[in-house]
PDB file of N, CA and C in Angstrom:
ATOM      1  N   UNK A   1      59.818 205.330 -35.894  1.00  0.00           N
ATOM      2  CA  UNK A   1      58.948 204.146 -35.379  1.00  0.00           C
ATOM      3  C   UNK A   1      57.956 204.553 -34.709  1.00  0.00           C
ATOM      4  N   UNK A   2      56.708 204.018 -35.612  1.00  0.00           N
ATOM      5  CA  UNK A   2      55.203 204.130 -34.846  1.00  0.00           C
ATOM      6  C   UNK A   2      54.653 202.729 -34.484  1.00  0.00           C
ATOM      7  N   UNK A   3      54.160 202.964 -33.264  1.00  0.00           N
ATOM      8  CA  UNK A   3      53.492 201.869 -32.404  1.00  0.00           C
ATOM      9  C   UNK A   3      52.326 202.074 -31.997  1.00  0.00           C
ATOM     10  N   UNK A   4      51.503 201.021 -31.923  1.00  0.00           N
ATOM     11  CA  UNK A   4      50.004 201.332 -30.975  1.00  0.00           C
ATOM     12  C   UNK A   4      50.061 200.283 -30.089  1.00  0.00           C
ATOM     13  N   UNK A   5      48.778 200.395 -29.282  1.00  0.00           N
ATOM     14  CA  UNK A   5      48.219 199.184 -28.307  1.00  0.00           C
ATOM     15  C   UNK A   5      46.894 199.240 -28.380  1.00  0.00           C
ATOM     16  N   UNK A   6      46.473 197.943 -28.809  1.00  0.00           N
ATOM     17  CA  UNK A   6      44.981 197.342 -28.792  1.00  0.00           C
ATOM     18  C   UNK A   6      44.608 197.308 -27.432  1.00  0.00           C
ATOM     19  N   UNK A   7      43.823 198.067 -26.298  1.00  0.00           N
ATOM     20  CA  UNK A   7      43.804 198.027 -25.271  1.00  0.00           C
ATOM     21  C   UNK A   7      42.781 196.471 -24.493  1.00  0.00           C
ATOM     22  N   UNK A   8      41.698 196.512 -25.488  1.00  0.00           N
ATOM     23  CA  UNK A   8      40.684 195.483 -25.148  1.00  0.00           C
ATOM     24  C   UNK A   8      41.632 194.018 -25.341  1.00  0.00           C
ATOM     25  N   UNK A   9      42.406 194.316 -25.645  1.00  0.00           N
ATOM     26  CA  UNK A   9      42.761 192.520 -26.413  1.00  0.00           C
ATOM     27  C   UNK A   9      44.622 192.613 -25.867  1.00  0.00           C
ATOM     28  N   UNK A  10      45.091 193.611 -25.259  1.00  0.00           N
ATOM     29  CA  UNK A  10      46.159 193.358 -25.216  1.00  0.00           C
ATOM     30  C   UNK A  10      47.418 193.209 -25.737  1.00  0.00           C
ATOM     31  N   UNK A  11      46.996 193.550 -27.367  1.00  0.00           N
ATOM     32  CA  UNK A  11      47.636 193.136 -28.609  1.00  0.00           C
ATOM     33  C   UNK A  11      48.288 194.769 -28.809  1.00  0.00           C
ATOM     34  N   UNK A  12      49.575 194.748 -28.941  1.00  0.00           N
ATOM     35  CA  UNK A  12      50.405 195.889 -29.959  1.00  0.00           C
ATOM     36  C   UNK A  12      51.051 195.808 -30.871  1.00  0.00           C
ATOM     37  N   UNK A  13      51.270 196.353 -31.403  1.00  0.00           N
ATOM     38  CA  UNK A  13      51.561 196.600 -32.948  1.00  0.00           C
ATOM     39  C   UNK A  13      52.963 197.335 -32.521  1.00  0.00           C
ATOM     40  N   UNK A  14      53.887 197.174 -33.252  1.00  0.00           N
ATOM     41  CA  UNK A  14      55.178 197.968 -33.469  1.00  0.00           C
ATOM     42  C   UNK A  14      55.790 198.012 -34.864  1.00  0.00           C
ATOM     43  N   UNK A  15      56.250 199.033 -35.966  1.00  0.00           N
ATOM     44  CA  UNK A  15      56.349 199.188 -36.854  1.00  0.00           C
ATOM     45  C   UNK A  15      57.472 199.814 -36.896  1.00  0.00           C
ATOM     46  N   UNK A  16      58.288 198.770 -37.557  1.00  0.00           N
ATOM     47  CA  UNK A  16      59.841 199.827 -37.444  1.00  0.00           C
ATOM     48  C   UNK A  16      60.514 199.541 -39.225  1.00  0.00           C
ATOM     49  N   UNK A  17      61.154 200.635 -39.007  1.00  0.00           N
ATOM     50  CA  UNK A  17      62.207 200.545 -40.219  1.00  0.00           C
ATOM     51  C   UNK A  17      63.422 199.701 -40.125  1.00  0.00           C
ATOM     52  N   UNK A  18      63.659 198.813 -40.874  1.00  0.00           N
ATOM     53  CA  UNK A  18      65.150 198.024 -40.811  1.00  0.00           C
ATOM     54  C   UNK A  18      65.940 198.386 -42.187  1.00  0.00           C
ATOM     55  N   UNK A  19      67.369 198.245 -41.960  1.00  0.00           N
ATOM     56  CA  UNK A  19      68.444 197.406 -42.969  1.00  0.00           C
ATOM     57  C   UNK A  19      68.193 196.434 -43.692  1.00  0.00           C
ATOM     58  N   UNK A  20      68.900 196.405 -44.451  1.00  0.00           N
ATOM     59  CA  UNK A  20      68.688 194.975 -45.285  1.00  0.00           C
ATOM     60  C   UNK A  20      69.127 193.899 -44.824  1.00  0.00           C
ATOM     61  N   UNK A  21      70.317 194.517 -44.089  1.00  0.00           N
ATOM     62  CA  UNK A  21      70.894 193.143 -43.224  1.00  0.00           C
ATOM     63  C   UNK A  21      70.085 192.914 -41.952  1.00  0.00           C
ATOM     64  N   UNK A  22      69.228 193.912 -41.241  1.00  0.00           N
ATOM     65  CA  UNK A  22      68.553 192.959 -40.172  1.00  0.00           C
ATOM     66  C   UNK A  22      67.025 192.588 -41.191  1.00  0.00           C
ATOM     67  N   UNK A  23      66.621 192.684 -42.267  1.00  0.00           N
ATOM     68  CA  UNK A  23      65.570 192.153 -42.978  1.00  0.00           C
ATOM     69  C   UNK A  23      66.245 190.507 -43.105  1.00  0.00           C
ATOM     70  N   UNK A  24      67.168 190.995 -43.838  1.00  0.00           N
ATOM     71  CA  UNK A  24      67.878 189.388 -44.109  1.00  0.00           C
ATOM     72  C   UNK A  24      67.670 188.611 -42.866  1.00  0.00           C
ATOM     73  N   UNK A  25      68.481 189.079 -41.641  1.00  0.00           N
ATOM     74  CA  UNK A  25      68.733 188.380 -40.569  1.00  0.00           C
ATOM     75  C   UNK A  25      67.428 187.442 -40.122  1.00  0.00           C
ATOM     76  N   UNK A  26      66.235 188.467 -40.339  1.00  0.00           N
ATOM     77  CA  UNK A  26      64.698 187.877 -39.834  1.00  0.00           C
ATOM     78  C   UNK A  26      64.485 186.693 -40.967  1.00  0.00           C
ATOM     79  N   UNK A  27      64.551 186.947 -42.169  1.00  0.00           N
ATOM     80  CA  UNK A  27      63.807 186.143 -42.878  1.00  0.00           C
ATOM     81  C   UNK A  27      64.496 185.181 -43.069  1.00  0.00           C
ATOM     82  N   UNK A  28      66.274 184.777 -43.084  1.00  0.00           N
ATOM     83  CA  UNK A  28      67.182 183.633 -42.622  1.00  0.00           C
ATOM     84  C   UNK A  28      66.914 183.066 -41.670  1.00  0.00           C
ATOM     85  N   UNK A  29      66.212 183.560 -40.112  1.00  0.00           N
ATOM     86  CA  UNK A  29      65.817 182.826 -39.257  1.00  0.00           C
ATOM     87  C   UNK A  29      64.856 182.481 -39.575  1.00  0.00           C
ATOM     88  N   UNK A  30      63.413 183.039 -39.938  1.00  0.00           N
ATOM     89  CA  UNK A  30      62.094 182.753 -40.781  1.00  0.00           C
ATOM     90  C   UNK A  30      62.388 181.145 -40.740  1.00  0.00           C
ATOM     91  N   UNK A  31      63.322 181.232 -42.213  1.00  0.00           N
ATOM     92  CA  UNK A  31      63.509 180.047 -43.123  1.00  0.00           C
ATOM     93  C   UNK A  31      64.383 178.904 -42.241  1.00  0.00           C
ATOM     94  N   UNK A  32      65.498 179.062 -40.922  1.00  0.00           N
ATOM     95  CA  UNK A  32      65.921 178.261 -40.719  1.00  0.00           C
ATOM     96  C   UNK A  32      64.905 177.274 -39.037  1.00  0.00           C
ATOM     97  N   UNK A  33      64.364 178.477 -38.719  1.00  0.00           N
ATOM     98  CA  UNK A  33      63.172 177.644 -37.708  1.00  0.00           C
ATOM     99  C   UNK A  33      62.061 177.304 -38.436  1.00  0.00           C
ATOM    100  N   UNK A  34      61.165 177.342 -39.578  1.00  0.00           N
ATOM    101  CA  UNK A  34      60.224 176.791 -40.705  1.00  0.00           C
ATOM    102  C   UNK A  34      61.121 175.243 -40.396  1.00  0.00           C
ATOM    103  N   UNK A  35      62.451 175.153 -40.985  1.00  0.00           N
ATOM    104  CA  UNK A  35      63.169 173.772 -41.520  1.00  0.00           C
ATOM    105  C   UNK A  35      63.217 173.228 -40.055  1.00  0.00           C
ATOM    106  N   UNK A  36      63.383 173.829 -38.960  1.00  0.00           N
ATOM    107  CA  UNK A  36      63.553 172.648 -38.231  1.00  0.00           C
ATOM    108  C   UNK A  36      62.115 172.910 -37.124  1.00  0.00           C
ATOM    109  N   UNK A  37      61.498 172.967 -37.491  1.00  0.00           N
ATOM    110  CA  UNK A  37      60.044 172.642 -36.717  1.00  0.00           C
ATOM    111  C   UNK A  37      59.357 171.729 -37.806  1.00  0.00           C
ATOM    112  N   UNK A  38      59.684 172.145 -38.974  1.00  0.00           N
ATOM    113  CA  UNK A  38      58.624 171.292 -40.336  1.00  0.00           C
ATOM    114  C   UNK A  38      57.322 171.931 -40.492  1.00  0.00           C
ATOM    115  N   UNK A  39      57.657 173.210 -40.207  1.00  0.00           N
ATOM    116  CA  UNK A  39      56.106 173.821 -40.522  1.00  0.00           C
ATOM    117  C   UNK A  39      56.462 175.158 -40.929  1.00  0.00           C
ATOM    118  N   UNK A  40      55.703 176.104 -41.655  1.00  0.00           N
ATOM    119  CA  UNK A  40      56.235 177.615 -42.260  1.00  0.00           C
ATOM    120  C   UNK A  40      56.089 178.511 -40.585  1.00  0.00           C
ATOM    121  N   UNK A  41      56.679 179.202 -40.564  1.00  0.00           N
ATOM    122  CA  UNK A  41      57.042 180.342 -39.536  1.00  0.00           C
ATOM    123  C   UNK A  41      56.988 181.561 -39.936  1.00  0.00           C
ATOM    124  N   UNK A  42      56.145 182.714 -39.091  1.00  0.00           N
ATOM    125  CA  UNK A  42      55.804 183.870 -39.647  1.00  0.00           C
ATOM    126  C   UNK A  42      56.960 184.935 -39.155  1.00  0.00           C
ATOM    127  N   UNK A  43      56.962 185.962 -39.093  1.00  0.00           N
ATOM    128  CA  UNK A  43      57.464 186.276 -38.730  1.00  0.00           C
ATOM    129  C   UNK A  43      57.663 186.674 -36.918  1.00  0.00           C
ATOM    130  N   UNK A  44      56.416 186.986 -36.362  1.00  0.00           N
ATOM    131  CA  UNK A  44      56.154 186.898 -35.419  1.00  0.00           C
ATOM    132  C   UNK A  44      56.215 185.785 -34.664  1.00  0.00           C
ATOM    133  N   UNK A  45      56.036 184.378 -35.077  1.00  0.00           N
ATOM    134  CA  UNK A  45      56.228 183.397 -34.546  1.00  0.00           C
ATOM    135  C   UNK A  45      58.007 182.993 -33.984  1.00  0.00           C
ATOM    136  N   UNK A  46      58.435 184.031 -35.179  1.00  0.00           N
ATOM    137  CA  UNK A  46      59.804 183.582 -35.004  1.00  0.00           C
ATOM    138  C   UNK A  46      60.734 184.591 -33.670  1.00  0.00           C
ATOM    139  N   UNK A  47      60.024 185.965 -33.562  1.00  0.00           N
ATOM    140  CA  UNK A  47      60.172 186.801 -32.999  1.00  0.00           C
ATOM    141  C   UNK A  47      59.815 186.126 -31.398  1.00  0.00           C
ATOM    142  N   UNK A  48      58.590 185.676 -31.200  1.00  0.00           N
ATOM    143  CA  UNK A  48      57.614 184.975 -30.142  1.00  0.00           C
ATOM    144  C   UNK A  48      59.137 183.865 -29.672  1.00  0.00           C
ATOM    145  N   UNK A  49      59.095 182.970 -30.879  1.00  0.00           N
ATOM    146  CA  UNK A  49      60.215 181.694 -29.791  1.00  0.00           C
ATOM    147  C   UNK A  49      61.751 182.204 -29.671  1.00  0.00           C
ATOM    148  N   UNK A  50      62.091 183.250 -30.362  1.00  0.00           N
ATOM    149  CA  UNK A  50      63.195 183.884 -29.889  1.00  0.00           C
ATOM    150  C   UNK A  50      63.296 184.896 -28.313  1.00  0.00           C
ATOM    151  N   UNK A  51      62.396 185.294 -28.331  1.00  0.00           N
ATOM    152  CA  UNK A  51      61.736 186.032 -26.942  1.00  0.00           C
ATOM    153  C   UNK A  51      61.823 184.864 -25.784  1.00  0.00           C
ATOM    154  N   UNK A  52      60.852 184.165 -25.932  1.00  0.00           N
ATOM    155  CA  UNK A  52      60.766 183.169 -24.679  1.00  0.00           C
ATOM    156  C   UNK A  52      62.060 182.418 -24.610  1.00  0.00           C
ATOM    157  N   UNK A  53      62.717 181.752 -25.475  1.00  0.00           N
ATOM    158  CA  UNK A  53      64.102 180.905 -25.241  1.00  0.00           C
ATOM    159  C   UNK A  53      64.997 181.987 -24.953  1.00  0.00           C
ATOM    160  N   UNK A  54      64.874 182.908 -24.843  1.00  0.00           N
ATOM    161  CA  UNK A  54      66.203 184.089 -24.208  1.00  0.00           C
ATOM    162  C   UNK A  54      66.105 184.360 -22.484  1.00  0.00           C
ATOM    163  N   UNK A  55      64.492 184.157 -22.625  1.00  0.00           N
ATOM    164  CA  UNK A  55      64.120 184.687 -21.205  1.00  0.00           C
ATOM    165  C   UNK A  55      65.013 184.491 -20.060  1.00  0.00           C
ATOM    166  N   UNK A  56      65.550 183.465 -19.701  1.00  0.00           N
ATOM    167  CA  UNK A  56      66.280 183.587 -19.154  1.00  0.00           C
ATOM    168  C   UNK A  56      67.809 183.497 -19.208  1.00  0.00           C
ATOM    169  N   UNK A  57      68.079 183.742 -20.405  1.00  0.00           N
ATOM    170  CA  UNK A  57      69.711 184.582 -20.954  1.00  0.00           C
ATOM    171  C   UNK A  57      69.790 185.891 -20.233  1.00  0.00           C
ATOM    172  N   UNK A  58      71.218 185.786 -19.723  1.00  0.00           N
ATOM    173  CA  UNK A  58      71.410 187.111 -19.595  1.00  0.00           C
ATOM    174  C   UNK A  58      71.835 188.110 -21.179  1.00  0.00           C
ATOM    175  N   UNK A  59      71.850 188.982 -20.999  1.00  0.00           N
ATOM    176  CA  UNK A  59      72.314 190.268 -22.205  1.00  0.00           C
ATOM    177  C   UNK A  59      73.330 190.670 -21.839  1.00  0.00           C
ATOM    178  N   UNK A  60      75.017 191.052 -22.564  1.00  0.00           N
ATOM    179  CA  UNK A  60      75.880 191.777 -22.227  1.00  0.00           C
ATOM    180  C   UNK A  60      75.777 192.976 -23.255  1.00  0.00           C
ATOM    181  N   UNK A  61      76.128 193.974 -22.318  1.00  0.00           N
ATOM    182  CA  UNK A  61      76.339 195.132 -23.698  1.00  0.00           C
ATOM    183  C   UNK A  61      77.304 195.352 -24.835  1.00  0.00           C
ATOM    184  N   UNK A  62      78.195 193.847 -24.763  1.00  0.00           N
ATOM    185  CA  UNK A  62      79.399 193.779 -25.572  1.00  0.00           C
ATOM    186  C   UNK A  62      78.226 192.733 -26.543  1.00  0.00           C
ATOM    187  N   UNK A  63      77.732 192.158 -26.312  1.00  0.00           N
ATOM    188  CA  UNK A  63      76.431 191.550 -27.020  1.00  0.00           C
ATOM    189  C   UNK A  63      75.776 192.176 -28.287  1.00  0.00           C
ATOM    190  N   UNK A  64      75.408 192.991 -27.610  1.00  0.00           N
ATOM    191  CA  UNK A  64      74.724 194.437 -28.165  1.00  0.00           C
ATOM    192  C   UNK A  64      75.938 194.889 -28.960  1.00  0.00           C
ATOM    193  N   UNK A  65      76.627 195.479 -28.717  1.00  0.00           N
ATOM    194  CA  UNK A  65      77.714 196.132 -29.481  1.00  0.00           C
ATOM    195  C   UNK A  65      78.205 195.246 -30.997  1.00  0.00           C
ATOM    196  N   UNK A  66      78.355 193.882 -30.213  1.00  0.00           N
ATOM    197  CA  UNK A  66      78.894 192.967 -31.673  1.00  0.00           C
ATOM    198  C   UNK A  66      78.128 192.962 -32.838  1.00  0.00           C
ATOM    199  N   UNK A  67      76.662 192.862 -32.112  1.00  0.00           N
ATOM    200  CA  UNK A  67      75.316 193.034 -33.149  1.00  0.00           C
ATOM    201  C   UNK A  67      75.400 194.492 -33.790  1.00  0.00           C
ATOM    202  N   UNK A  68      75.248 195.403 -33.233  1.00  0.00           N
ATOM    203  CA  UNK A  68      75.578 196.397 -33.914  1.00  0.00           C
ATOM    204  C   UNK A  68      76.553 196.881 -35.012  1.00  0.00           C
ATOM    205  N   UNK A  69      77.678 196.052 -34.969  1.00  0.00           N
ATOM    206  CA  UNK A  69      78.891 196.044 -35.499  1.00  0.00           C
ATOM    207  C   UNK A  69      78.364 195.394 -37.231  1.00  0.00           C
ATOM    208  N   UNK A  70      77.760 194.154 -37.068  1.00  0.00           N
ATOM    209  CA  UNK A  70      77.458 193.638 -38.021  1.00  0.00           C
ATOM    210  C   UNK A  70      76.340 193.112 -39.039  1.00  0.00           C
ATOM    211  N   UNK A  71      75.648 194.472 -37.764  1.00  0.00           N
ATOM    212  CA  UNK A  71      74.242 194.892 -38.416  1.00  0.00           C
ATOM    213  C   UNK A  71      73.742 195.888 -38.183  1.00  0.00           C
ATOM    214  N   UNK A  72      73.571 197.004 -39.238  1.00  0.00           N
ATOM    215  CA  UNK A  72      73.331 198.609 -38.762  1.00  0.00           C
ATOM    216  C   UNK A  72      71.867 198.316 -38.645  1.00  0.00           C
ATOM    217  N   UNK A  73      70.954 198.910 -38.045  1.00  0.00           N
ATOM    218  CA  UNK A  73      69.828 198.620 -37.611  1.00  0.00           C
ATOM    219  C   UNK A  73      69.090 199.671 -38.879  1.00  0.00           C
ATOM    220  N   UNK A  74      69.580 200.685 -38.719  1.00  0.00           N
ATOM    221  CA  UNK A  74      68.299 201.539 -39.376  1.00  0.00           C
ATOM    222  C   UNK A  74      68.322 201.457 -40.879  1.00  0.00           C
ATOM    223  N   UNK A  75      67.022 201.740 -41.531  1.00  0.00           N
ATOM    224  CA  UNK A  75      66.697 201.151 -42.868  1.00  0.00           C
ATOM    225  C   UNK A  75      65.372 201.574 -43.625  1.00  0.00           C
ATOM    226  N   UNK A  76      65.215 201.199 -44.467  1.00  0.00           N
ATOM    227  CA  UNK A  76      64.211 201.766 -45.598  1.00  0.00           C
ATOM    228  C   UNK A  76      62.983 200.301 -45.525  1.00  0.00           C
ATOM    229  N   UNK A  77      63.281 199.062 -45.183  1.00  0.00           N
ATOM    230  CA  UNK A  77      62.253 198.476 -45.273  1.00  0.00           C
ATOM    231  C   UNK A  77      61.331 198.615 -44.184  1.00  0.00           C
ATOM    232  N   UNK A  78      60.211 198.436 -44.199  1.00  0.00           N
ATOM    233  CA  UNK A  78      59.319 198.757 -43.248  1.00  0.00           C
ATOM    234  C   UNK A  78      58.507 197.305 -42.739  1.00  0.00           C
ATOM    235  N   UNK A  79      58.411 197.042 -41.598  1.00  0.00           N
ATOM    236  CA  UNK A  79      58.730 195.889 -41.302  1.00  0.00           C
ATOM    237  C   UNK A  79      57.598 195.669 -39.466  1.00  0.00           C
ATOM    238  N   UNK A  80      56.236 194.532 -39.451  1.00  0.00           N
ATOM    239  CA  UNK A  80      55.215 194.988 -38.830  1.00  0.00           C
ATOM    240  C   UNK A  80      54.971 193.959 -37.954  1.00  0.00           C
ATOM    241  N   UNK A  81      54.934 194.221 -36.557  1.00  0.00           N
ATOM    242  CA  UNK A  81      55.310 193.189 -35.610  1.00  0.00           C
ATOM    243  C   UNK A  81      53.929 193.016 -34.910  1.00  0.00           C
ATOM    244  N   UNK A  82      52.949 192.113 -34.352  1.00  0.00           N
ATOM    245  CA  UNK A  82      52.134 192.111 -33.513  1.00  0.00           C
ATOM    246  C   UNK A  82      52.142 191.079 -32.474  1.00  0.00           C
ATOM    247  N   UNK A  83      52.865 191.897 -31.015  1.00  0.00           N
ATOM    248  CA  UNK A  83      53.190 191.264 -30.442  1.00  0.00           C
ATOM    249  C   UNK A  83      51.732 190.993 -28.897  1.00  0.00           C
ATOM    250  N   UNK A  84      51.423 189.581 -28.845  1.00  0.00           N
ATOM    251  CA  UNK A  84      50.431 189.581 -27.703  1.00  0.00           C
ATOM    252  C   UNK A  84      50.110 189.083 -26.476  1.00  0.00           C
ATOM    253  N   UNK A  85      49.342 189.226 -25.972  1.00  0.00           N
ATOM    254  CA  UNK A  85      49.508 189.392 -24.547  1.00  0.00           C
ATOM    255  C   UNK A  85      50.158 187.583 -24.131  1.00  0.00           C
ATOM    256  N   UNK A  86      50.138 186.435 -24.886  1.00  0.00           N
ATOM    257  CA  UNK A  86      50.599 185.484 -24.637  1.00  0.00           C
ATOM    258  C   UNK A  86      52.062 185.144 -24.215  1.00  0.00           C
ATOM    259  N   UNK A  87      52.443 186.447 -25.340  1.00  0.00           N
ATOM    260  CA  UNK A  87      54.117 186.415 -24.961  1.00  0.00           C
ATOM    261  C   UNK A  87      54.947 187.509 -25.109  1.00  0.00           C
ATOM    262  N   UNK A  88      53.895 188.514 -24.596  1.00  0.00           N
ATOM    263  CA  UNK A  88      54.110 189.536 -24.461  1.00  0.00           C
ATOM    264  C   UNK A  88      54.995 190.173 -23.425  1.00  0.00           C
ATOM    265  N   UNK A  89      54.937 189.103 -22.060  1.00  0.00           N
ATOM    266  CA  UNK A  89      56.433 189.410 -21.226  1.00  0.00           C
ATOM    267  C   UNK A  89      57.364 189.329 -21.378  1.00  0.00           C
ATOM    268  N   UNK A  90      57.564 187.912 -22.275  1.00  0.00           N
ATOM    269  CA  UNK A  90      59.122 187.513 -22.966  1.00  0.00           C
ATOM    270  C   UNK A  90      59.754 188.787 -23.569  1.00  0.00           C
ATOM    271  N   UNK A  91      58.953 189.574 -24.139  1.00  0.00           N
ATOM    272  CA  UNK A  91      59.498 190.638 -25.083  1.00  0.00           C
ATOM    273  C   UNK A  91      59.768 191.712 -24.222  1.00  0.00           C
ATOM    274  N   UNK A  92      58.883 192.103 -23.172  1.00  0.00           N
ATOM    275  CA  UNK A  92      58.893 192.792 -22.269  1.00  0.00           C
ATOM    276  C   UNK A  92      60.358 192.912 -21.307  1.00  0.00           C
ATOM    277  N   UNK A  93      60.389 191.517 -20.796  1.00  0.00           N
ATOM    278  CA  UNK A  93      61.561 190.811 -20.303  1.00  0.00           C
ATOM    279  C   UNK A  93      63.136 191.582 -20.774  1.00  0.00           C
ATOM    280  N   UNK A  94      62.950 191.227 -22.430  1.00  0.00           N
ATOM    281  CA  UNK A  94      63.997 191.017 -22.895  1.00  0.00           C
ATOM    282  C   UNK A  94      64.899 192.635 -23.197  1.00  0.00           C
ATOM    283  N   UNK A  95      63.117 193.358 -24.237  1.00  0.00           N
ATOM    284  CA  UNK A  95      63.160 195.225 -23.845  1.00  0.00           C
ATOM    285  C   UNK A  95      63.710 195.381 -22.777  1.00  0.00           C
ATOM    286  N   UNK A  96      63.367 195.529 -21.395  1.00  0.00           N
ATOM    287  CA  UNK A  96      63.844 195.839 -20.798  1.00  0.00           C
ATOM    288  C   UNK A  96      65.523 195.679 -20.250  1.00  0.00           C
ATOM    289  N   UNK A  97      66.017 194.564 -20.662  1.00  0.00           N
ATOM    290  CA  UNK A  97      67.446 194.597 -20.581  1.00  0.00           C
ATOM    291  C   UNK A  97      68.282 195.344 -21.284  1.00  0.00           C
ATOM    292  N   UNK A  98      68.028 195.539 -22.434  1.00  0.00           N
ATOM    293  CA  UNK A  98      68.298 196.293 -23.428  1.00  0.00           C
ATOM    294  C   UNK A  98      68.122 197.511 -23.097  1.00  0.00           C
ATOM    295  N   UNK A  99      66.930 198.026 -22.579  1.00  0.00           N
ATOM    296  CA  UNK A  99      66.920 199.409 -22.537  1.00  0.00           C
ATOM    297  C   UNK A  99      68.061 199.929 -21.172  1.00  0.00           C
ATOM    298  N   UNK A 100      68.880 198.954 -20.649  1.00  0.00           N
ATOM    299  CA  UNK A 100      69.962 199.369 -19.578  1.00  0.00           C
ATOM    300  C   UNK A 100      70.723 199.856 -20.018  1.00  0.00           C
ATOM    301  N   UNK A 101      71.724 199.444 -21.041  1.00  0.00           N
ATOM    302  CA  UNK A 101      72.476 199.703 -21.953  1.00  0.00           C
ATOM    303  C   UNK A 101      72.352 200.494 -23.213  1.00  0.00           C
ATOM    304  N   UNK A 102      71.310 200.202 -23.856  1.00  0.00           N
ATOM    305  CA  UNK A 102      70.664 200.758 -25.304  1.00  0.00           C
ATOM    306  C   UNK A 102      70.398 202.305 -25.074  1.00  0.00           C
ATOM    307  N   UNK A 103      69.834 202.619 -24.251  1.00  0.00           N
ATOM    308  CA  UNK A 103      68.868 204.000 -24.181  1.00  0.00           C
ATOM    309  C   UNK A 103      67.365 203.548 -24.513  1.00  0.00           C
ATOM    310  N   UNK A 104      66.659 204.763 -24.396  1.00  0.00           N
ATOM    311  CA  UNK A 104      64.866 203.876 -24.519  1.00  0.00           C
ATOM    312  C   UNK A 104      64.658 204.497 -26.370  1.00  0.00           C
ATOM    313  N   UNK A 105      65.765 205.389 -26.922  1.00  0.00           N
ATOM    314  CA  UNK A 105      65.023 205.615 -28.167  1.00  0.00           C
ATOM    315  C   UNK A 105      64.769 204.836 -29.086  1.00  0.00           C
ATOM    316  N   UNK A 106      64.258 204.179 -29.946  1.00  0.00           N
ATOM    317  CA  UNK A 106      64.452 203.479 -31.070  1.00  0.00           C
ATOM    318  C   UNK A 106      64.219 201.899 -30.581  1.00  0.00           C
ATOM    319  N   UNK A 107      64.115 201.473 -29.370  1.00  0.00           N
ATOM    320  CA  UNK A 107      64.537 200.636 -28.375  1.00  0.00           C
ATOM    321  C   UNK A 107      63.868 199.123 -29.635  1.00  0.00           C
ATOM    322  N   UNK A 108      62.899 199.507 -30.181  1.00  0.00           N
ATOM    323  CA  UNK A 108      62.014 198.213 -30.471  1.00  0.00           C
ATOM    324  C   UNK A 108      62.636 197.980 -31.991  1.00  0.00           C
ATOM    325  N   UNK A 109      63.295 198.813 -32.531  1.00  0.00           N
ATOM    326  CA  UNK A 109      64.096 198.734 -33.788  1.00  0.00           C
ATOM    327  C   UNK A 109      65.192 197.704 -33.744  1.00  0.00           C
ATOM    328  N   UNK A 110      65.997 197.707 -32.447  1.00  0.00           N
ATOM    329  CA  UNK A 110      66.827 196.733 -32.327  1.00  0.00           C
ATOM    330  C   UNK A 110      66.675 195.747 -31.594  1.00  0.00           C
ATOM    331  N   UNK A 111      65.723 196.136 -30.773  1.00  0.00           N
ATOM    332  CA  UNK A 111      65.196 194.819 -30.015  1.00  0.00           C
ATOM    333  C   UNK A 111      65.367 193.639 -30.804  1.00  0.00           C
ATOM    334  N   UNK A 112      64.164 193.956 -31.764  1.00  0.00           N
ATOM    335  CA  UNK A 112      63.321 192.405 -32.697  1.00  0.00           C
ATOM    336  C   UNK A 112      64.738 192.254 -33.551  1.00  0.00           C
ATOM    337  N   UNK A 113      65.279 192.626 -34.376  1.00  0.00           N
ATOM    338  CA  UNK A 113      66.427 191.656 -34.603  1.00  0.00           C
ATOM    339  C   UNK A 113      67.634 191.425 -33.582  1.00  0.00           C
ATOM    340  N   UNK A 114      67.829 192.012 -32.895  1.00  0.00           N
ATOM    341  CA  UNK A 114      68.752 191.721 -31.939  1.00  0.00           C
ATOM    342  C   UNK A 114      68.351 190.161 -31.441  1.00  0.00           C
ATOM    343  N   UNK A 115      66.732 190.133 -31.094  1.00  0.00           N
ATOM    344  CA  UNK A 115      66.491 188.732 -30.083  1.00  0.00           C
ATOM    345  C   UNK A 115      66.676 187.503 -31.292  1.00  0.00           C
ATOM    346  N   UNK A 116      66.580 188.129 -32.269  1.00  0.00           N
ATOM    347  CA  UNK A 116      66.600 186.853 -33.148  1.00  0.00           C
ATOM    348  C   UNK A 116      68.065 186.052 -33.656  1.00  0.00           C
ATOM    349  N   UNK A 117      68.914 187.764 -33.884  1.00  0.00           N
ATOM    350  CA  UNK A 117      70.317 187.642 -33.573  1.00  0.00           C
ATOM    351  C   UNK A 117      71.049 186.706 -32.558  1.00  0.00           C
ATOM    352  N   UNK A 118      69.918 186.998 -31.440  1.00  0.00           N
ATOM    353  CA  UNK A 118      70.659 186.043 -29.770  1.00  0.00           C
ATOM    354  C   UNK A 118      70.243 184.804 -30.181  1.00  0.00           C
ATOM    355  N   UNK A 119      69.054 184.551 -30.085  1.00  0.00           N
ATOM    356  CA  UNK A 119      68.330 183.244 -30.612  1.00  0.00           C
ATOM    357  C   UNK A 119      69.120 182.441 -31.433  1.00  0.00           C
ATOM    358  N   UNK A 120      69.816 182.885 -32.662  1.00  0.00           N
ATOM    359  CA  UNK A 120      70.683 182.247 -33.547  1.00  0.00           C
ATOM    360  C   UNK A 120      71.504 182.052 -33.238  1.00  0.00           C
ATOM    361  N   UNK A 121      72.461 183.045 -32.372  1.00  0.00           N
ATOM    362  CA  UNK A 121      73.864 182.873 -32.198  1.00  0.00           C
ATOM    363  C   UNK A 121      74.025 181.735 -30.959  1.00  0.00           C
ATOM    364  N   UNK A 122      72.752 181.184 -29.785  1.00  0.00           N
ATOM    365  CA  UNK A 122      72.489 180.312 -29.117  1.00  0.00           C
ATOM    366  C   UNK A 122      71.975 179.339 -29.848  1.00  0.00           C
ATOM    367  N   UNK A 123      72.156 178.818 -31.463  1.00  0.00           N
ATOM    368  CA  UNK A 123      71.684 178.189 -31.720  1.00  0.00           C
ATOM    369  C   UNK A 123      69.901 177.247 -31.193  1.00  0.00           C
ATOM    370  N   UNK A 124      69.001 178.592 -30.888  1.00  0.00           N
ATOM    371  CA  UNK A 124      67.922 178.135 -30.360  1.00  0.00           C
ATOM    372  C   UNK A 124      66.975 177.849 -31.767  1.00  0.00           C
ATOM    373  N   UNK A 125      67.372 178.071 -32.852  1.00  0.00           N
ATOM    374  CA  UNK A 125      66.419 178.069 -33.910  1.00  0.00           C
ATOM    375  C   UNK A 125      67.268 176.727 -34.842  1.00  0.00           C
TER     376      UNK A 125
END
């Protein structure tokens, strides 16, 4: 995973490589979210909405394990995500919860599709 941060603007850029299953999960969520809102949604908008809507939700290790059983994360599809200061705290909050049982290495790679997975399971899209 390669990631960087633009200090002046507080924007972080995260680049990850995902499996076809995780890519399909993200694409399907973007489609569902677009249909629900009546306007086209980007991956950033979809992940942002997922993180913001999951802010008060507790995340369990069992849910994460279930996600990993259904969606292998590692893959060859390169995905880039811009995390802005407006929703960075929601992203970081979920990321921190996940660190508790997922470890530190590759956390963004799992966190991004996991956030969308949770939002989909809890019918937030």
